C-alpha atoms as a PDB file:
ATOM      1  CA  MET A   1      -0.116   0.257  -0.183  1.00  0.00           C
ATOM      2  CA  VAL A   2       2.823   2.150   0.683  1.00  0.00           C
ATOM      3  CA  THR A   3       4.371   1.437  -2.761  1.00  0.00           C
ATOM      4  CA  GLN A   4       1.459   2.507  -4.545  1.00  0.00           C
ATOM      5  CA  ALA A   5       0.991   5.612  -2.337  1.00  0.00           C
ATOM      6  CA  VAL A   6       4.498   6.697  -3.108  1.00  0.00           C
ATOM      7  CA  GLY A   7       3.669   5.308  -6.956  1.00  0.00           C
ATOM      8  CA  CYS A   8       0.260   8.060  -7.138  1.00  0.00           C
ATOM      9  CA  LEU A   9       2.641  10.754  -5.611  1.00  0.00           C
ATOM     10  CA  ALA A  10       5.321   9.860  -8.182  1.00  0.00           C
ATOM     11  CA  ALA A  11       2.311  10.228 -11.099  1.00  0.00           C
ATOM     12  CA  LEU A  12       0.953  13.788  -9.906  1.00  0.00           C
ATOM     13  CA  ALA A  13       4.909  15.081  -9.899  1.00  0.00           C
ATOM     14  CA  LEU A  14       4.968  13.618 -13.559  1.00  0.00           C
ATOM     15  CA  VAL A  15       1.832  15.309 -14.561  1.00  0.00           C
ATOM     16  CA  MET A  16       2.886  18.493 -12.953  1.00  0.00           C
ATOM     17  CA  ILE A  17       6.486  18.333 -15.021  1.00  0.00           C
ATOM     18  CA  GLY A  18       4.089  18.063 -18.142  1.00  0.00           C
ATOM     19  CA  VAL A  19       2.156  21.392 -16.645  1.00  0.00           C
ATOM     20  CA  PHE A  20       5.193  23.288 -16.078  1.00  0.00           C
ATOM     21  CA  SER A  21       7.278  22.946 -19.080  1.00  0.00           C
ATOM     22  CA  GLU A  22      11.101  23.641 -19.344  1.00  0.00           C
ATOM     23  CA  ASP A  23      10.290  27.274 -20.144  1.00  0.00           C
ATOM     24  CA  ALA A  24       8.682  27.257 -16.337  1.00  0.00           C
ATOM     25  CA  GLY A  25      12.315  27.454 -15.004  1.00  0.00           C
ATOM     26  CA  SER A  26      12.284  26.502 -11.166  1.00  0.00           C
ATOM     27  CA  LEU A  27       8.978  24.690 -10.960  1.00  0.00           C
ATOM     28  CA  HIS A  28       9.730  22.237 -13.846  1.00  0.00           C
ATOM     29  CA  THR A  29      12.949  21.698 -12.068  1.00  0.00           C
ATOM     30  CA  LEU A  30      11.231  21.301  -8.777  1.00  0.00           C
ATOM     31  CA  TRP A  31       8.732  18.645 -10.007  1.00  0.00           C
ATOM     32  CA  SER A  32      11.265  16.927 -11.721  1.00  0.00           C
ATOM     33  CA  SER A  33      13.072  16.571  -8.864  1.00  0.00           C
ATOM     34  CA  VAL A  34      10.140  15.146  -6.673  1.00  0.00           C
ATOM     35  CA  PHE A  35       9.435  13.155  -9.184  1.00  0.00           C
ATOM     36  CA  PHE A  36      12.854  11.392  -9.398  1.00  0.00           C
ATOM     37  CA  LEU A  37      13.044  11.149  -5.810  1.00  0.00           C
ATOM     38  CA  PHE A  38       9.517   9.381  -5.612  1.00  0.00           C
ATOM     39  CA  ASN A  39      10.721   7.057  -8.611  1.00  0.00           C
ATOM     40  CA  LEU A  40      13.768   6.002  -6.365  1.00  0.00           C
ATOM     41  CA  ILE A  41      11.777   5.065  -3.521  1.00  0.00           C
ATOM     42  CA  VAL A  42       8.972   3.183  -6.126  1.00  0.00           C
ATOM     43  CA  LEU A  43      11.537   1.103  -7.507  1.00  0.00           C
ATOM     44  CA  VAL A  44      13.830   0.462  -3.965  1.00  0.00           C
ATOM     45  CA  LEU A  45       9.964  -0.670  -2.506  1.00  0.00           C
ATOM     46  CA  VAL A  46       8.952  -2.704  -5.659  1.00  0.00           C
ATOM     47  CA  GLY A  47      12.490  -4.303  -5.605  1.00  0.00           C
ATOM     48  CA  VAL A  48      12.607  -5.197  -1.871  1.00  0.00           C
ATOM     49  CA  GLY A  49       8.995  -6.242  -1.780  1.00  0.00           C
ATOM     50  CA  LEU A  50       9.187  -8.738  -4.803  1.00  0.00           C
ATOM     51  CA  PHE A  51      12.633  -9.982  -4.593  1.00  0.00           C
ATOM     52  CA  THR A  52      11.896 -12.915  -1.553  1.00  0.00           C
ATOM     53  CA  HIS A  53       8.491 -13.784  -4.085  1.00  0.00           C
ATOM     54  CA  ALA A  54       8.752 -17.385  -5.614  1.00  0.00           C
ATOM     55  CA  SER A  55       7.595 -16.280  -8.725  1.00  0.00           C
ATOM     56  CA  TYR A  56       9.534 -13.334  -9.512  1.00  0.00           C
ATOM     57  CA  MET A  57      12.381 -13.747 -11.405  1.00  0.00           C
ATOM     58  CA  LYS A  58      15.934 -12.867  -9.721  1.00  0.00           C
ATOM     59  CA  ALA A  59      17.832 -11.427 -12.692  1.00  0.00           C
ATOM     60  CA  ILE A  60      14.663  -8.728 -12.913  1.00  0.00           C
ATOM     61  CA  GLY A  61      15.141  -8.135  -9.480  1.00  0.00           C
ATOM     62  CA  VAL A  62      18.761  -7.247  -9.567  1.00  0.00           C
ATOM     63  CA  TYR A  63      17.943  -5.193 -12.521  1.00  0.00           C
ATOM     64  CA  GLY A  64      15.273  -3.372 -10.544  1.00  0.00           C
ATOM     65  CA  PHE A  65      18.210  -2.361  -8.094  1.00  0.00           C
ATOM     66  CA  VAL A  66      20.417  -1.285 -10.894  1.00  0.00           C
ATOM     67  CA  VAL A  67      17.901   0.902 -12.256  1.00  0.00           C
ATOM     68  CA  ALA A  68      17.480   2.385  -8.841  1.00  0.00           C
ATOM     69  CA  ALA A  69      21.267   3.118  -8.535  1.00  0.00           C
ATOM     70  CA  ILE A  70      20.922   4.694 -11.718  1.00  0.00           C
ATOM     71  CA  ASN A  71      17.969   6.712 -10.563  1.00  0.00           C
ATOM     72  CA  LEU A  72      19.822   7.687  -7.674  1.00  0.00           C
ATOM     73  CA  LEU A  73      23.095   8.724  -9.670  1.00  0.00           C
ATOM     74  CA  PHE A  74      20.522  10.858 -11.326  1.00  0.00           C
ATOM     75  CA  ILE A  75      19.280  12.511  -8.720  1.00  0.00           C
ATOM     76  CA  LEU A  76      23.001  13.246  -7.396  1.00  0.00           C
ATOM     77  CA  LEU A  77      24.755  14.662 -10.590  1.00  0.00           C
ATOM     78  CA  TYR A  78      21.353  16.151 -12.623  1.00  0.00           C
ATOM     79  CA  ASP A  79      23.523  17.548 -14.842  1.00  0.00           C
ATOM     80  CA  THR A  80      22.402  16.663 -18.514  1.00  0.00           C
ATOM     81  CA  PRO A  81      19.195  15.815 -20.202  1.00  0.00           C
ATOM     82  CA  LEU A  82      20.683  12.520 -22.200  1.00  0.00           C
ATOM     83  CA  PHE A  83      20.771  11.304 -18.503  1.00  0.00           C
ATOM     84  CA  GLU A  84      17.770  12.098 -17.559  1.00  0.00           C
ATOM     85  CA  TRP A  85      16.072  10.174 -20.643  1.00  0.00           C
ATOM     86  CA  PHE A  86      18.264   7.361 -19.987  1.00  0.00           C
ATOM     87  CA  THR A  87      16.933   6.879 -16.623  1.00  0.00           C
ATOM     88  CA  VAL A  88      13.600   7.249 -17.627  1.00  0.00           C
ATOM     89  CA  PHE A  89      13.962   4.632 -20.578  1.00  0.00           C
ATOM     90  CA  THR A  90      15.558   1.932 -17.965  1.00  0.00           C
ATOM     91  CA  ALA A  91      12.698   2.583 -15.250  1.00  0.00           C
ATOM     92  CA  LEU A  92      10.677   1.729 -18.362  1.00  0.00           C
ATOM     93  CA  GLY A  93      12.353  -1.202 -19.382  1.00  0.00           C
ATOM     94  CA  TYR A  94      11.859  -2.417 -15.900  1.00  0.00           C
ATOM     95  CA  VAL A  95       7.955  -2.103 -16.055  1.00  0.00           C
ATOM     96  CA  GLY A  96       8.413  -4.093 -19.083  1.00  0.00           C
ATOM     97  CA  LEU A  97      10.342  -6.912 -17.704  1.00  0.00           C
ATOM     98  CA  LEU A  98       7.832  -6.962 -14.489  1.00  0.00           C
ATOM     99  CA  ALA A  99       5.068  -7.208 -17.041  1.00  0.00           C
ATOM    100  CA  TYR A 100       7.085  -9.992 -18.505  1.00  0.00           C
ATOM    101  CA  ASN A 101       7.774 -12.094 -15.353  1.00  0.00           C
ATOM    102  CA  MET A 102       4.018 -11.534 -14.632  1.00  0.00           C
ATOM    103  CA  ASN A 103       2.476 -12.976 -18.160  1.00  0.00           C
ATOM    104  CA  LYS A 104       5.373 -15.589 -17.878  1.00  0.00           C
ATOM    105  CA  ARG A 105       4.352 -16.745 -13.813  1.00  0.00           C
END
């Protein structure tokens, strides 16, 4: 339930990133930072919650923690849009792998 609540907050922050485009300056940066922080929390909570599940492929779990580490690096460094997009696409890949795991099991 905590993961879902934080995920909803991350979704709200993602909407606010769209509302405040890069032209909005500090508001866009604020909501972007909020999103990536909540996204990191969700990645860690999902990884911890599923890692001990019998049907969860451990390789996907390891990838999830790698994605969380990439997200943390982005939060700490935040220099380049390229790294931002890399962070987003690795997280989307994790979502795809979770869907694959659920379908396979």
